[in-house]
Amino acid sequence: MKGNKRWTHPQWESIKINFDGAYNQIQNRSTSGVVARDSGGKILLSCSEIHNGVLSAFAAEAIACRKAVQVGVDHGWQALIFEGDSLAIIKKCNKKDHDRSMTLRRGDEFYLEMGVPDYAETQARHDELSEPD
């Protein structure tokens, strides 16, 4: 499939942690977003943090990756799969316009166990319904 790849369930009894970073070059600000799901696709955790003093889109993605690893370690999860989008890093580094992250626009952070923020709930439901068994 060309374009956006859909989320897929992790194999076995592992936890899949997806992460992404968004970057605002004018403010030297970024946000990291993390979603952790079990092998059945159930959301175990979602969080978003805003970071100041970030100097590049690559740094924003690296911070998001670090946050994903930290979440997995802090929860003591043993079998982890981390998934980011390295192509996004390349595109963000070459991009001239602003990242349109919902978290950066709203300026809010969150940390939710067993859920996602309201504005992401529709996508989470869609992922659950369209994921083949």
C-alpha atoms as a PDB file:
ATOM      1  CA  MET A   1       0.000   0.000   0.000  1.00  0.00           C
ATOM      2  CA  LYS A   2       1.341   3.415  -0.934  1.00  0.00           C
ATOM      3  CA  GLY A   3       0.968   6.326   1.474  1.00  0.00           C
ATOM      4  CA  ASN A   4      -0.038   5.889   5.097  1.00  0.00           C
ATOM      5  CA  LYS A   5       0.463   2.414   6.488  1.00  0.00           C
ATOM      6  CA  ARG A   6      -2.314   1.198   8.785  1.00  0.00           C
ATOM      7  CA  TRP A   7      -1.622   0.049  12.315  1.00  0.00           C
ATOM      8  CA  THR A   8      -1.401  -3.723  12.675  1.00  0.00           C
ATOM      9  CA  HIS A   9      -1.626  -5.875  15.774  1.00  0.00           C
ATOM     10  CA  PRO A  10       1.671  -7.033  17.241  1.00  0.00           C
ATOM     11  CA  GLN A  11       2.395 -10.741  17.045  1.00  0.00           C
ATOM     12  CA  TRP A  12       2.395 -13.021  20.087  1.00  0.00           C
ATOM     13  CA  GLU A  13       1.836 -11.434  23.484  1.00  0.00           C
ATOM     14  CA  SER A  14       3.888  -8.316  22.885  1.00  0.00           C
ATOM     15  CA  ILE A  15       3.076  -4.647  23.377  1.00  0.00           C
ATOM     16  CA  LYS A  16       3.348  -2.372  20.349  1.00  0.00           C
ATOM     17  CA  ILE A  17       4.325   1.200  21.082  1.00  0.00           C
ATOM     18  CA  ASN A  18       3.818   3.679  18.254  1.00  0.00           C
ATOM     19  CA  PHE A  19       5.422   7.104  18.475  1.00  0.00           C
ATOM     20  CA  ASP A  20       5.592  10.298  16.468  1.00  0.00           C
ATOM     21  CA  GLY A  21       6.994  13.773  16.859  1.00  0.00           C
ATOM     22  CA  ALA A  22       5.749  17.103  15.566  1.00  0.00           C
ATOM     23  CA  TYR A  23       7.912  20.195  15.235  1.00  0.00           C
ATOM     24  CA  ASN A  24       7.343  23.963  15.174  1.00  0.00           C
ATOM     25  CA  GLN A  25      10.496  25.592  13.808  1.00  0.00           C
ATOM     26  CA  ILE A  26       9.432  29.172  14.579  1.00  0.00           C
ATOM     27  CA  GLN A  27       8.972  28.409  18.295  1.00  0.00           C
ATOM     28  CA  ASN A  28      11.682  25.706  18.524  1.00  0.00           C
ATOM     29  CA  ARG A  29       8.989  23.566  20.076  1.00  0.00           C
ATOM     30  CA  SER A  30       7.929  19.974  19.562  1.00  0.00           C
ATOM     31  CA  THR A  31       5.496  17.429  20.836  1.00  0.00           C
ATOM     32  CA  SER A  32       5.924  13.710  21.224  1.00  0.00           C
ATOM     33  CA  GLY A  33       2.973  11.365  20.976  1.00  0.00           C
ATOM     34  CA  VAL A  34       2.931   7.754  22.130  1.00  0.00           C
ATOM     35  CA  VAL A  35       0.247   5.049  21.932  1.00  0.00           C
ATOM     36  CA  ALA A  36       0.752   1.566  23.432  1.00  0.00           C
ATOM     37  CA  ARG A  37      -1.505  -1.347  22.471  1.00  0.00           C
ATOM     38  CA  ASP A  38      -1.585  -5.004  23.444  1.00  0.00           C
ATOM     39  CA  SER A  39      -1.632  -7.900  20.971  1.00  0.00           C
ATOM     40  CA  GLY A  40      -5.417  -7.628  20.761  1.00  0.00           C
ATOM     41  CA  GLY A  41      -5.255  -3.970  19.746  1.00  0.00           C
ATOM     42  CA  LYS A  42      -6.542  -2.675  23.094  1.00  0.00           C
ATOM     43  CA  ILE A  43      -5.108   0.743  23.948  1.00  0.00           C
ATOM     44  CA  LEU A  44      -3.100   0.484  27.147  1.00  0.00           C
ATOM     45  CA  LEU A  45      -1.775   4.026  27.250  1.00  0.00           C
ATOM     46  CA  SER A  46      -1.546   7.202  25.228  1.00  0.00           C
ATOM     47  CA  CYS A  47       0.386  10.329  26.047  1.00  0.00           C
ATOM     48  CA  SER A  48       1.627  13.551  24.571  1.00  0.00           C
ATOM     49  CA  GLU A  49       4.272  15.928  25.863  1.00  0.00           C
ATOM     50  CA  ILE A  50       5.403  19.346  24.675  1.00  0.00           C
ATOM     51  CA  HIS A  51       9.131  20.086  24.552  1.00  0.00           C
ATOM     52  CA  ASN A  52      10.764  23.523  24.340  1.00  0.00           C
ATOM     53  CA  GLY A  53      14.184  24.328  22.915  1.00  0.00           C
ATOM     54  CA  VAL A  54      14.047  21.682  20.175  1.00  0.00           C
ATOM     55  CA  LEU A  55      16.188  22.672  17.205  1.00  0.00           C
ATOM     56  CA  SER A  56      15.119  20.302  14.418  1.00  0.00           C
ATOM     57  CA  ALA A  57      12.433  17.918  13.172  1.00  0.00           C
ATOM     58  CA  PHE A  58      14.938  15.093  13.544  1.00  0.00           C
ATOM     59  CA  ALA A  59      15.419  15.989  17.223  1.00  0.00           C
ATOM     60  CA  ALA A  60      11.621  16.040  17.676  1.00  0.00           C
ATOM     61  CA  GLU A  61      11.370  12.477  16.317  1.00  0.00           C
ATOM     62  CA  ALA A  62      14.295  11.342  18.484  1.00  0.00           C
ATOM     63  CA  ILE A  63      12.632  12.795  21.592  1.00  0.00           C
ATOM     64  CA  ALA A  64       9.397  10.964  20.695  1.00  0.00           C
ATOM     65  CA  CYS A  65      11.319   7.705  20.278  1.00  0.00           C
ATOM     66  CA  ARG A  66      12.996   8.196  23.660  1.00  0.00           C
ATOM     67  CA  LYS A  67       9.592   8.817  25.261  1.00  0.00           C
ATOM     68  CA  ALA A  68       8.230   5.586  23.743  1.00  0.00           C
ATOM     69  CA  VAL A  69      11.129   3.584  25.152  1.00  0.00           C
ATOM     70  CA  GLN A  70      10.748   5.295  28.539  1.00  0.00           C
ATOM     71  CA  VAL A  71       7.034   4.402  28.662  1.00  0.00           C
ATOM     72  CA  GLY A  72       7.795   0.732  27.960  1.00  0.00           C
ATOM     73  CA  VAL A  73      10.540   0.561  30.580  1.00  0.00           C
ATOM     74  CA  ASP A  74       8.545   2.465  33.211  1.00  0.00           C
ATOM     75  CA  HIS A  75       5.644   0.021  32.845  1.00  0.00           C
ATOM     76  CA  GLY A  76       7.902  -3.015  33.031  1.00  0.00           C
ATOM     77  CA  TRP A  77       6.573  -4.439  29.792  1.00  0.00           C
ATOM     78  CA  GLN A  78       8.867  -7.223  28.587  1.00  0.00           C
ATOM     79  CA  ALA A  79       8.091  -7.964  24.937  1.00  0.00           C
ATOM     80  CA  LEU A  80       8.014  -4.631  23.119  1.00  0.00           C
ATOM     81  CA  ILE A  81       7.760  -3.577  19.510  1.00  0.00           C
ATOM     82  CA  PHE A  82       8.497   0.078  18.757  1.00  0.00           C
ATOM     83  CA  GLU A  83       7.151   1.638  15.593  1.00  0.00           C
ATOM     84  CA  GLY A  84       7.917   5.095  14.293  1.00  0.00           C
ATOM     85  CA  ASP A  85       8.055   6.496  10.819  1.00  0.00           C
ATOM     86  CA  SER A  86      11.591   7.118   9.594  1.00  0.00           C
ATOM     87  CA  LEU A  87      10.248   8.382   6.272  1.00  0.00           C
ATOM     88  CA  ALA A  88       8.398  11.042   8.248  1.00  0.00           C
ATOM     89  CA  ILE A  89      11.710  12.129   9.766  1.00  0.00           C
ATOM     90  CA  ILE A  90      13.195  12.626   6.315  1.00  0.00           C
ATOM     91  CA  LYS A  91      10.126  14.507   5.085  1.00  0.00           C
ATOM     92  CA  LYS A  92       9.952  16.689   8.201  1.00  0.00           C
ATOM     93  CA  CYS A  93      13.622  17.611   7.849  1.00  0.00           C
ATOM     94  CA  ASN A  94      12.985  18.760   4.264  1.00  0.00           C
ATOM     95  CA  LYS A  95       9.637  20.427   4.924  1.00  0.00           C
ATOM     96  CA  LYS A  96       9.351  24.208   4.719  1.00  0.00           C
ATOM     97  CA  ASP A  97       5.847  24.673   6.178  1.00  0.00           C
ATOM     98  CA  HIS A  98       4.681  24.172   9.756  1.00  0.00           C
ATOM     99  CA  ASP A  99       3.788  20.859  11.374  1.00  0.00           C
ATOM    100  CA  ARG A 100       0.061  20.822  12.123  1.00  0.00           C
ATOM    101  CA  SER A 101       0.074  18.638  15.207  1.00  0.00           C
ATOM    102  CA  MET A 102      -3.150  18.856  17.218  1.00  0.00           C
ATOM    103  CA  THR A 103      -1.123  18.895  20.459  1.00  0.00           C
ATOM    104  CA  LEU A 104       1.109  21.736  19.274  1.00  0.00           C
ATOM    105  CA  ARG A 105      -1.923  23.747  18.136  1.00  0.00           C
ATOM    106  CA  ARG A 106      -3.801  23.225  21.380  1.00  0.00           C
ATOM    107  CA  GLY A 107      -0.725  23.513  23.594  1.00  0.00           C
ATOM    108  CA  ASP A 108      -1.961  20.685  25.812  1.00  0.00           C
ATOM    109  CA  GLU A 109      -0.331  17.561  27.141  1.00  0.00           C
ATOM    110  CA  PHE A 110      -2.015  14.369  28.273  1.00  0.00           C
ATOM    111  CA  TYR A 111      -1.308  10.994  29.796  1.00  0.00           C
ATOM    112  CA  LEU A 112      -4.158   8.505  29.608  1.00  0.00           C
ATOM    113  CA  GLU A 113      -4.261   4.880  30.692  1.00  0.00           C
ATOM    114  CA  MET A 114      -6.605   2.697  28.597  1.00  0.00           C
ATOM    115  CA  GLY A 115      -7.594   5.495  26.228  1.00  0.00           C
ATOM    116  CA  VAL A 116      -6.821   8.317  23.842  1.00  0.00           C
ATOM    117  CA  PRO A 117      -7.958  11.966  23.838  1.00  0.00           C
ATOM    118  CA  ASP A 118     -11.412  12.747  22.466  1.00  0.00           C
ATOM    119  CA  TYR A 119     -10.081  14.076  19.173  1.00  0.00           C
ATOM    120  CA  ALA A 120      -8.294  10.730  18.531  1.00  0.00           C
ATOM    121  CA  GLU A 121     -11.128   8.445  19.683  1.00  0.00           C
ATOM    122  CA  THR A 122     -12.738   8.205  16.234  1.00  0.00           C
ATOM    123  CA  GLN A 123      -9.465   7.035  14.669  1.00  0.00           C
ATOM    124  CA  ALA A 124      -8.919   4.497  17.471  1.00  0.00           C
ATOM    125  CA  ARG A 125     -12.411   3.039  16.874  1.00  0.00           C
ATOM    126  CA  HIS A 126     -11.806   2.965  13.130  1.00  0.00           C
ATOM    127  CA  ASP A 127      -8.522   1.080  13.648  1.00  0.00           C
ATOM    128  CA  GLU A 128     -10.267  -1.496  15.840  1.00  0.00           C
ATOM    129  CA  LEU A 129     -13.050  -2.082  13.310  1.00  0.00           C
ATOM    130  CA  SER A 130     -10.860  -2.285  10.224  1.00  0.00           C
ATOM    131  CA  GLU A 131      -8.117  -4.525  11.643  1.00  0.00           C
ATOM    132  CA  PRO A 132      -8.450  -8.069  10.267  1.00  0.00           C
ATOM    133  CA  ASP A 133      -8.266 -10.973  12.736  1.00  0.00           C
END
